[in-house]
Amino acid sequence: MPDWFKTYVGLEGLADSAFVFESMVIPGLLQTEEYAQALTLGTGFVRPDHAERFVSFRQTRARRLTDDEPLTLHAVVGEAALRLRVNGDETRRAQLAHLAAMSELPNVTVQVLRPEDGPHAATPLGKFVVLDFAHVRPIAYTEVLDGAMYVQDPDGVRTYNMVADNLRQVALSPAESRALIRELAGAA
């Protein structure tokens, strides 16, 4: 596991809340094991002999959402992520059912951003995360092809928070999103 990702995982473990935007895949904390395995192997960035360990680690991280002091997660997910064919229809159906179930947790909010919702502030961006902490300033995080960028400057983090606010406004409501996810799960 690269050092830049170890840093992120450490910060995620200390965070009280996280906002995550993913346009093309389901956010890692909300992935089923089978979806994560297929996605990990399909990207080619993780050696096949390391994939199982990588997926197991991701599943361990996901327990933060259901532990005694859970992480509060607000995820905005592009509709393309819901339609991405990962390891066939059954994997996709199970992933969408899991996503809908997770969105019912009191600490998890999921919103879907559809193409027909029009332009939004994240149009030029890919995945990004804003982590909030109880006693220190928030940090924004975004991945690049061979690493990650951490934004700690208050003005920079404020920009990411403005984008997050815009996405919350443009995306479907949590209830509408859950209904769409369930509809797509039934059609898979």
Protein backbone atom coordinates (compact mmCIF):
# COMPACT_ATOMS: atom_id res chain seq x y z
CA MET A 1 0.00 0.00 0.00
CA PRO A 2 1.51 3.36 -0.98
CA ASP A 3 2.48 5.83 1.75
CA TRP A 4 0.10 8.50 0.43
CA PHE A 5 -2.82 6.12 0.94
CA LYS A 6 -1.64 5.05 4.39
CA THR A 7 -1.72 8.73 5.34
CA TYR A 8 -5.29 9.03 4.08
CA VAL A 9 -6.44 5.93 5.96
CA GLY A 10 -4.90 7.28 9.16
CA LEU A 11 -6.70 10.60 8.73
CA GLU A 12 -9.97 8.86 7.83
CA GLY A 13 -9.69 6.82 11.03
CA LEU A 14 -9.43 10.02 13.10
CA ALA A 15 -12.16 11.97 11.30
CA ASP A 16 -15.59 12.62 12.78
CA SER A 17 -17.20 13.14 9.40
CA ALA A 18 -16.40 12.90 5.72
CA PHE A 19 -17.87 14.26 2.51
CA VAL A 20 -16.93 12.20 -0.54
CA PHE A 21 -17.63 12.77 -4.21
CA GLU A 22 -17.13 9.89 -6.64
CA SER A 23 -18.30 10.30 -10.22
CA MET A 24 -17.46 6.85 -11.65
CA VAL A 25 -17.36 4.23 -8.86
CA ILE A 26 -19.11 3.57 -5.55
CA PRO A 27 -17.08 5.13 -2.70
CA GLY A 28 -14.79 2.59 -1.01
CA LEU A 29 -16.50 2.70 2.39
CA LEU A 30 -19.79 1.74 0.73
CA GLN A 31 -18.52 -1.10 -1.47
CA THR A 32 -19.43 -4.75 -1.05
CA GLU A 33 -16.56 -7.21 -0.88
CA GLU A 34 -17.33 -8.71 -4.30
CA TYR A 35 -17.62 -5.28 -5.96
CA ALA A 36 -14.38 -4.13 -4.33
CA GLN A 37 -12.60 -7.31 -5.43
CA ALA A 38 -13.77 -7.00 -9.04
CA LEU A 39 -12.99 -3.29 -9.16
CA THR A 40 -9.54 -3.81 -7.64
CA LEU A 41 -8.65 -6.54 -10.12
CA GLY A 42 -10.23 -4.69 -13.03
CA THR A 43 -8.20 -1.51 -12.66
CA GLY A 44 -4.84 -3.26 -12.82
CA PHE A 45 -3.28 -1.00 -10.17
CA VAL A 46 -3.09 -3.77 -7.56
CA ARG A 47 -1.26 -7.01 -8.22
CA PRO A 48 -3.65 -10.00 -8.20
CA ASP A 49 -1.76 -11.61 -5.32
CA HIS A 50 -2.30 -8.45 -3.23
CA ALA A 51 -5.95 -7.88 -4.17
CA GLU A 52 -7.47 -10.00 -1.40
CA ARG A 53 -5.48 -8.18 1.29
CA PHE A 54 -6.37 -4.81 -0.24
CA VAL A 55 -10.09 -5.67 -0.30
CA SER A 56 -10.00 -7.03 3.25
CA PHE A 57 -8.42 -3.79 4.39
CA ARG A 58 -11.16 -1.80 2.63
CA GLN A 59 -13.85 -3.88 4.36
CA THR A 60 -12.18 -3.23 7.72
CA ARG A 61 -12.23 0.52 7.00
CA ALA A 62 -15.95 0.29 6.15
CA ARG A 63 -16.70 -0.88 9.70
CA ARG A 64 -16.18 2.74 10.75
CA LEU A 65 -19.71 3.34 9.50
CA THR A 66 -21.26 0.86 11.93
CA ASP A 67 -19.02 0.94 14.99
CA ASP A 68 -19.92 2.45 18.38
CA GLU A 69 -18.72 5.93 17.38
CA PRO A 70 -19.41 5.85 13.66
CA LEU A 71 -18.02 8.12 11.02
CA THR A 72 -20.68 10.44 9.61
CA LEU A 73 -20.50 10.04 5.84
CA HIS A 74 -22.13 12.18 3.15
CA ALA A 75 -21.50 10.71 -0.30
CA VAL A 76 -22.46 12.23 -3.63
CA VAL A 77 -22.15 9.58 -6.33
CA GLY A 78 -22.40 10.07 -10.07
CA GLU A 79 -25.15 8.03 -11.71
CA ALA A 80 -22.47 6.47 -13.92
CA ALA A 81 -21.11 4.74 -10.81
CA LEU A 82 -24.50 3.08 -10.28
CA ARG A 83 -24.56 1.84 -13.86
CA LEU A 84 -20.91 0.75 -14.12
CA ARG A 85 -20.78 -2.92 -14.99
CA VAL A 86 -18.46 -4.49 -12.43
CA ASN A 87 -18.26 -8.30 -12.63
CA GLY A 88 -21.75 -8.76 -14.05
CA ASP A 89 -25.32 -7.98 -13.08
CA GLU A 90 -25.43 -9.96 -9.83
CA THR A 91 -22.46 -8.07 -8.38
CA ARG A 92 -24.00 -4.78 -9.48
CA ARG A 93 -27.40 -5.72 -8.04
CA ALA A 94 -25.87 -6.73 -4.69
CA GLN A 95 -23.78 -3.55 -4.62
CA LEU A 96 -26.79 -1.33 -5.26
CA ALA A 97 -28.87 -3.14 -2.62
CA HIS A 98 -26.00 -2.67 -0.15
CA LEU A 99 -25.71 1.02 -1.06
CA ALA A 100 -29.45 1.53 -0.51
CA ALA A 101 -29.28 -0.25 2.86
CA MET A 102 -26.25 1.77 3.98
CA SER A 103 -28.04 4.99 3.01
CA GLU A 104 -30.67 4.17 5.65
CA LEU A 105 -28.13 4.37 8.48
CA PRO A 106 -28.55 7.58 10.50
CA ASN A 107 -24.91 8.54 9.93
CA VAL A 108 -24.83 7.86 6.17
CA THR A 109 -26.29 10.12 3.49
CA VAL A 110 -26.11 9.17 -0.18
CA GLN A 111 -27.09 11.46 -3.03
CA VAL A 112 -26.98 10.65 -6.74
CA LEU A 113 -25.81 13.19 -9.28
CA ARG A 114 -27.40 12.59 -12.70
CA PRO A 115 -26.16 14.01 -16.02
CA GLU A 116 -29.53 15.68 -16.57
CA ASP A 117 -29.03 17.63 -13.33
CA GLY A 118 -26.73 19.85 -15.39
CA PRO A 119 -23.37 21.44 -14.74
CA HIS A 120 -22.00 21.58 -11.24
CA ALA A 121 -18.90 22.82 -9.44
CA ALA A 122 -17.18 19.41 -9.56
CA THR A 123 -17.41 19.07 -13.35
CA PRO A 124 -13.62 19.42 -13.83
CA LEU A 125 -12.82 17.25 -10.80
CA GLY A 126 -12.72 13.55 -10.12
CA LYS A 127 -12.95 12.01 -6.69
CA PHE A 128 -12.41 14.22 -3.68
CA VAL A 129 -12.96 13.94 0.06
CA VAL A 130 -13.25 16.53 2.83
CA LEU A 131 -12.47 15.12 6.28
CA ASP A 132 -13.67 17.00 9.38
CA PHE A 133 -12.17 16.50 12.83
CA ALA A 134 -13.27 17.47 16.33
CA HIS A 135 -10.19 19.44 17.34
CA VAL A 136 -8.23 20.27 14.20
CA ARG A 137 -8.99 21.97 10.91
CA PRO A 138 -10.53 19.97 8.07
CA ILE A 139 -8.43 18.49 5.29
CA ALA A 140 -9.38 17.99 1.64
CA TYR A 141 -7.99 15.02 -0.27
CA THR A 142 -7.95 14.13 -3.92
CA GLU A 143 -6.23 11.35 -5.81
CA VAL A 144 -4.12 11.70 -8.91
CA LEU A 145 -2.93 8.83 -11.06
CA ASP A 146 0.22 8.11 -9.06
CA GLY A 147 -0.48 9.70 -5.68
CA ALA A 148 -2.66 12.08 -3.75
CA MET A 149 -2.93 15.74 -2.89
CA TYR A 150 -3.79 16.92 0.61
CA VAL A 151 -5.18 20.44 1.03
CA GLN A 152 -4.81 21.90 4.51
CA ASP A 153 -4.83 25.61 3.71
CA PRO A 154 -8.14 27.03 5.04
CA ASP A 155 -8.89 28.85 1.77
CA GLY A 156 -8.25 25.69 -0.26
CA VAL A 157 -10.43 23.57 2.03
CA ARG A 158 -13.12 26.25 1.85
CA THR A 159 -13.13 25.88 -1.94
CA TYR A 160 -13.67 22.11 -1.65
CA ASN A 161 -16.46 22.71 0.87
CA MET A 162 -18.11 25.15 -1.56
CA VAL A 163 -17.98 22.47 -4.26
CA ALA A 164 -19.45 19.94 -1.79
CA ASP A 165 -22.28 22.36 -0.97
CA ASN A 166 -22.99 22.83 -4.67
CA LEU A 167 -23.10 19.06 -5.22
CA ARG A 168 -25.55 18.62 -2.32
CA GLN A 169 -27.82 21.20 -3.97
CA VAL A 170 -27.62 19.85 -7.52
CA ALA A 171 -27.87 16.12 -6.76
CA LEU A 172 -31.10 14.26 -6.08
CA SER A 173 -32.33 14.37 -2.49
CA PRO A 174 -31.35 11.44 -0.27
CA ALA A 175 -34.86 9.95 -0.58
CA GLU A 176 -34.94 10.38 -4.37
CA SER A 177 -31.45 8.91 -4.57
CA ARG A 178 -32.42 5.85 -2.52
CA ALA A 179 -35.45 5.29 -4.77
CA LEU A 180 -33.28 5.50 -7.91
CA ILE A 181 -30.70 3.12 -6.43
CA ARG A 182 -33.42 0.61 -5.56
CA GLU A 183 -34.96 0.94 -9.02
CA LEU A 184 -31.61 0.28 -10.68
CA ALA A 185 -30.95 -2.66 -8.33
CA GLY A 186 -34.22 -4.22 -9.44
CA ALA A 187 -33.37 -3.70 -13.11
CA ALA A 188 -29.85 -5.13 -12.86
